[in-house]
Amino acid sequence: MAPGIGNVILPTVSIQHTKQPLPQRRQTTLYHHSQITTDSDALQFEAAASRQLKLHDGNSNDTQSPEENLLITSPYNSPTHLLDLTTLDTANQLFAKALTIFTPIRPDYAVAPYLESFNWAAVFSFLRELSQAEWYHFPRTSFYVVAFRSRLFPDADGDRLGLLDDYSHREATESGGLLKYWYGRKDGEYRNLATCLWKSREHARNGGMGPWHQKARAAGSEMYEKIEFTTMELFVEDDVSGWEMRDWS
């Protein structure tokens, strides 16, 4: 079992906020992904994907081309890796946009408790801001979360590992419902953490059925000394007033 994730329900985190006058309605649209860096380190550790978001007056005449519905949701910024927001309902669109600021907040994320490793409070605060800006009542919604902890063999083929990861992510993106994919750097003991946030468990299951995922699983015993999966369910409360993550049962 991953450190810090046990068979217990993690307490609901309430988000405190005061009532504010209703602001002017604003919509969050996207800059074309080609205007954003392709540097994977910046996308992993500096929340560079958030630079794709732009707020504008909902009454403006700005229009989006089809490509401006494609959101960067991983360390890969290329067309085959982008999330098509038109395939999602409003709640999932907004959560995917909020997750563009998702980033680790401590260097030992490979072994640290999952909830203590990322800027969750900032993500949900941003989600609430996005919902309020669009005058959208965010309903209580659940999401499916996967954490993948691993220890590589010292002589693991990094190029092959990268290829398998790249094409597996393309498969998952094409399948649909993958809202966020993040992976870190291996530490001095070859340990690492990767995580996915999905619209649902069904989407995650479908996303992992392709041939590249099968190749990745087949290569697991050659690449990894240890592999550990943890699956969780994330609940975001009505109006993003709080959130809760628990082990999947």
Protein backbone atom coordinates (compact mmCIF):
# COMPACT_ATOMS: atom_id res chain seq x y z
CA MET A 1 0.00 0.00 0.00
CA ALA A 2 1.31 3.41 -0.87
CA PRO A 3 2.52 5.50 2.08
CA GLY A 4 -0.23 7.62 3.45
CA ILE A 5 -3.04 5.90 1.53
CA GLY A 6 -4.84 3.28 3.55
CA ASN A 7 -8.26 1.73 3.72
CA VAL A 8 -9.74 4.74 5.44
CA ILE A 9 -11.99 7.47 4.21
CA LEU A 10 -10.10 10.70 4.05
CA PRO A 11 -12.01 13.58 5.65
CA THR A 12 -13.91 16.04 3.57
CA VAL A 13 -11.98 19.25 3.10
CA SER A 14 -14.23 22.28 3.32
CA ILE A 15 -13.32 25.42 1.44
CA GLN A 16 -14.08 28.57 3.36
CA HIS A 17 -15.22 31.56 1.38
CA THR A 18 -17.37 34.59 1.91
CA LYS A 19 -20.19 35.80 -0.29
CA GLN A 20 -19.12 38.31 -2.88
CA PRO A 21 -21.20 40.49 -5.19
CA LEU A 22 -21.91 38.60 -8.41
CA PRO A 23 -19.11 39.51 -10.83
CA GLN A 24 -19.51 40.13 -14.52
CA ARG A 25 -19.87 36.85 -16.34
CA ARG A 26 -16.60 35.74 -17.91
CA GLN A 27 -15.69 32.69 -19.96
CA THR A 28 -12.45 30.76 -19.89
CA THR A 29 -11.20 30.03 -23.38
CA LEU A 30 -7.93 28.72 -24.73
CA TYR A 31 -4.90 30.03 -26.52
CA HIS A 32 -3.76 27.69 -29.27
CA HIS A 33 -1.51 25.02 -27.78
CA SER A 34 1.33 25.99 -30.13
CA GLN A 35 1.64 29.26 -28.17
CA ILE A 36 2.55 27.28 -25.04
CA THR A 37 5.89 25.67 -24.26
CA THR A 38 6.55 22.05 -25.18
CA ASP A 39 9.13 21.72 -22.39
CA SER A 40 8.01 18.75 -20.32
CA ASP A 41 9.70 20.01 -17.15
CA ALA A 42 7.72 23.25 -17.33
CA LEU A 43 4.50 21.31 -17.91
CA GLN A 44 5.25 18.91 -15.04
CA PHE A 45 6.63 21.24 -12.40
CA GLU A 46 5.69 24.82 -13.31
CA ALA A 47 2.01 24.41 -14.26
CA ALA A 48 2.84 25.76 -17.71
CA ALA A 49 -0.40 24.39 -19.18
CA SER A 50 -2.31 27.02 -17.19
CA ARG A 51 -0.85 29.65 -19.53
CA GLN A 52 -3.20 28.30 -22.19
CA LEU A 53 -6.23 29.67 -20.32
CA LYS A 54 -7.64 33.13 -20.98
CA LEU A 55 -10.59 34.88 -19.38
CA HIS A 56 -12.71 37.22 -21.43
CA ASP A 57 -16.06 38.96 -21.29
CA GLY A 58 -18.78 36.46 -22.10
CA ASN A 59 -20.53 39.10 -24.19
CA SER A 60 -17.56 39.60 -26.51
CA ASN A 61 -17.57 38.37 -30.08
CA ASP A 62 -14.43 36.27 -29.68
CA THR A 63 -14.76 32.88 -31.35
CA GLN A 64 -12.70 29.74 -31.04
CA SER A 65 -11.36 27.66 -33.87
CA PRO A 66 -11.73 23.88 -33.42
CA GLU A 67 -8.09 23.58 -32.32
CA GLU A 68 -8.70 26.07 -29.52
CA ASN A 69 -10.89 23.47 -27.85
CA LEU A 70 -7.83 21.27 -27.37
CA LEU A 71 -6.36 21.52 -23.86
CA ILE A 72 -2.89 20.55 -22.66
CA THR A 73 -3.44 18.06 -19.83
CA SER A 74 -0.10 16.25 -19.57
CA PRO A 75 3.65 16.75 -20.00
CA TYR A 76 3.06 16.22 -23.74
CA ASN A 77 2.12 19.28 -25.77
CA SER A 78 1.40 17.94 -29.24
CA PRO A 79 -1.90 17.45 -31.11
CA THR A 80 -2.30 13.71 -30.45
CA HIS A 81 -1.99 14.27 -26.68
CA LEU A 82 -4.54 17.06 -26.20
CA LEU A 83 -7.95 16.81 -24.54
CA ASP A 84 -10.91 17.77 -26.73
CA LEU A 85 -13.09 19.81 -24.39
CA THR A 86 -16.10 19.49 -26.70
CA THR A 87 -16.39 15.84 -25.62
CA LEU A 88 -17.05 16.83 -21.99
CA ASP A 89 -19.87 18.38 -20.02
CA THR A 90 -19.32 21.71 -18.29
CA ALA A 91 -18.29 20.25 -14.91
CA ASN A 92 -15.58 18.09 -16.46
CA GLN A 93 -14.42 20.90 -18.74
CA LEU A 94 -13.96 23.22 -15.78
CA PHE A 95 -12.19 20.59 -13.70
CA ALA A 96 -9.80 19.82 -16.56
CA LYS A 97 -9.04 23.54 -16.84
CA ALA A 98 -8.51 23.82 -13.08
CA LEU A 99 -6.10 20.88 -13.23
CA THR A 100 -3.80 22.87 -15.52
CA ILE A 101 -2.29 24.32 -12.30
CA PHE A 102 -1.80 20.83 -10.78
CA THR A 103 1.79 20.50 -9.60
CA PRO A 104 3.79 18.82 -6.80
CA ILE A 105 4.52 20.82 -3.67
CA ARG A 106 7.26 18.64 -2.17
CA PRO A 107 10.28 16.87 -3.69
CA ASP A 108 9.66 13.45 -2.13
CA TYR A 109 6.33 12.84 -3.89
CA ALA A 110 7.48 9.35 -4.92
CA VAL A 111 7.07 8.13 -1.33
CA ALA A 112 5.10 10.90 0.41
CA PRO A 113 1.35 10.68 1.13
CA TYR A 114 -0.53 11.31 -2.10
CA LEU A 115 -2.76 14.08 -0.80
CA GLU A 116 0.21 15.90 0.72
CA SER A 117 2.21 15.82 -2.50
CA PHE A 118 0.19 18.16 -4.73
CA ASN A 119 -1.43 21.59 -4.59
CA TRP A 120 -4.98 20.30 -4.17
CA ALA A 121 -6.20 23.34 -2.23
CA ALA A 122 -5.12 25.65 -5.05
CA VAL A 123 -6.74 23.41 -7.68
CA PHE A 124 -10.13 23.44 -5.97
CA SER A 125 -9.94 27.13 -5.21
CA PHE A 126 -9.26 27.73 -8.91
CA LEU A 127 -12.12 25.42 -9.89
CA ARG A 128 -14.48 27.42 -7.71
CA GLU A 129 -13.24 30.68 -9.26
CA LEU A 130 -13.73 29.33 -12.79
CA SER A 131 -17.26 28.16 -11.96
CA GLN A 132 -18.20 31.49 -10.41
CA ALA A 133 -16.73 33.44 -13.32
CA GLU A 134 -19.00 31.54 -15.71
CA TRP A 135 -22.02 31.72 -13.36
CA TYR A 136 -22.05 27.93 -13.34
CA HIS A 137 -23.51 25.95 -10.46
CA PHE A 138 -20.99 23.14 -10.03
CA PRO A 139 -22.90 20.01 -8.98
CA ARG A 140 -21.54 17.34 -6.64
CA THR A 141 -19.42 15.27 -8.99
CA SER A 142 -17.16 12.25 -8.64
CA PHE A 143 -13.96 11.46 -10.52
CA TYR A 144 -11.68 8.43 -10.72
CA VAL A 145 -8.05 8.77 -9.64
CA VAL A 146 -5.13 6.40 -10.20
CA ALA A 147 -1.74 6.69 -8.49
CA PHE A 148 1.13 4.64 -9.90
CA ARG A 149 4.19 4.23 -7.67
CA SER A 150 7.20 2.45 -9.05
CA ARG A 151 10.84 1.59 -8.60
CA LEU A 152 12.79 1.16 -11.83
CA PHE A 153 15.63 -1.26 -12.31
CA PRO A 154 18.85 0.80 -12.52
CA ASP A 155 19.49 -0.46 -16.07
CA ALA A 156 15.93 0.09 -17.35
CA ASP A 157 15.83 1.35 -20.94
CA GLY A 158 14.73 4.97 -20.57
CA ASP A 159 14.12 5.46 -24.29
CA ARG A 160 11.82 2.46 -24.48
CA LEU A 161 10.05 3.54 -21.32
CA GLY A 162 9.46 6.98 -22.80
CA LEU A 163 8.13 5.50 -26.04
CA LEU A 164 5.68 3.24 -24.21
CA ASP A 165 4.49 6.12 -22.07
CA ASP A 166 4.06 8.44 -25.05
CA TYR A 167 1.97 6.04 -27.11
CA SER A 168 -0.01 4.77 -24.13
CA HIS A 169 -0.98 8.34 -23.33
CA ARG A 170 -2.07 8.89 -26.94
CA GLU A 171 -4.31 5.83 -26.65
CA ALA A 172 -5.84 7.01 -23.40
CA THR A 173 -6.44 10.50 -24.79
CA GLU A 174 -8.11 9.14 -27.91
CA SER A 175 -10.30 6.85 -25.79
CA GLY A 176 -11.66 9.88 -23.93
CA GLY A 177 -12.27 11.05 -20.39
CA LEU A 178 -8.65 11.49 -19.26
CA LEU A 179 -8.67 14.88 -17.54
CA LYS A 180 -5.09 14.93 -16.27
CA TYR A 181 -1.92 12.87 -16.57
CA TRP A 182 1.19 13.72 -14.58
CA TYR A 183 4.45 11.94 -13.88
CA GLY A 184 7.51 12.99 -11.95
CA ARG A 185 11.25 12.35 -12.08
CA LYS A 186 12.74 9.24 -10.56
CA ASP A 187 14.61 9.91 -7.33
CA GLY A 188 18.05 8.68 -6.29
CA GLU A 189 16.63 5.24 -5.56
CA TYR A 190 14.84 5.03 -8.93
CA ARG A 191 11.42 5.58 -7.34
CA ASN A 192 8.74 7.65 -9.01
CA LEU A 193 5.06 8.56 -9.00
CA ALA A 194 2.62 9.02 -11.86
CA THR A 195 -1.08 9.83 -11.58
CA CYS A 196 -4.18 10.09 -13.76
CA LEU A 197 -7.50 11.78 -13.09
CA TRP A 198 -10.38 10.43 -15.14
CA LYS A 199 -13.99 11.37 -15.72
CA SER A 200 -15.01 7.90 -14.51
CA ARG A 201 -13.74 4.41 -13.79
CA GLU A 202 -15.31 3.22 -17.04
CA HIS A 203 -13.28 5.77 -19.00
CA ALA A 204 -10.12 4.62 -17.23
CA ARG A 205 -10.85 0.98 -18.04
CA ASN A 206 -11.49 1.76 -21.70
CA GLY A 207 -8.40 3.95 -21.89
CA GLY A 208 -6.16 1.11 -20.75
CA MET A 209 -7.34 -1.53 -23.22
CA GLY A 210 -5.30 -0.52 -26.28
CA PRO A 211 -2.27 -2.33 -27.75
CA TRP A 212 0.28 0.15 -26.38
CA HIS A 213 -1.04 -0.33 -22.85
CA GLN A 214 -0.74 -4.07 -23.40
CA LYS A 215 2.88 -3.61 -24.50
CA ALA A 216 3.58 -1.44 -21.45
CA ARG A 217 2.14 -4.05 -19.10
CA ALA A 218 4.14 -6.80 -20.81
CA ALA A 219 7.34 -4.79 -20.36
CA GLY A 220 6.65 -4.12 -16.69
CA SER A 221 8.65 -7.03 -15.30
CA GLU A 222 11.68 -5.97 -17.39
CA MET A 223 11.50 -2.29 -16.43
CA TYR A 224 10.34 -2.21 -12.83
CA GLU A 225 11.59 -3.74 -9.64
CA LYS A 226 8.31 -2.73 -8.01
CA ILE A 227 4.95 -1.44 -9.25
CA GLU A 228 2.08 -0.38 -7.02
CA PHE A 229 -1.31 0.93 -8.15
CA THR A 230 -3.78 2.74 -5.92
CA THR A 231 -7.24 3.68 -7.16
CA MET A 232 -9.34 6.35 -5.50
CA GLU A 233 -12.63 8.17 -5.91
CA LEU A 234 -12.64 11.94 -5.69
CA PHE A 235 -15.83 13.78 -4.74
CA VAL A 236 -16.14 17.50 -5.36
CA GLU A 237 -19.01 18.96 -3.38
CA ASP A 238 -21.81 21.20 -4.57
CA ASP A 239 -20.51 24.65 -5.60
CA VAL A 240 -16.99 23.32 -4.90
CA SER A 241 -17.66 23.92 -1.20
CA GLY A 242 -15.40 21.00 -0.29
CA TRP A 243 -13.85 17.81 -1.58
CA GLU A 244 -13.09 14.29 -0.42
CA MET A 245 -10.87 11.50 -1.70
CA ARG A 246 -11.23 7.88 -0.64
CA ASP A 247 -9.86 4.52 -1.66
CA TRP A 248 -11.94 2.92 -4.40
CA SER A 249 -14.06 0.09 -3.07
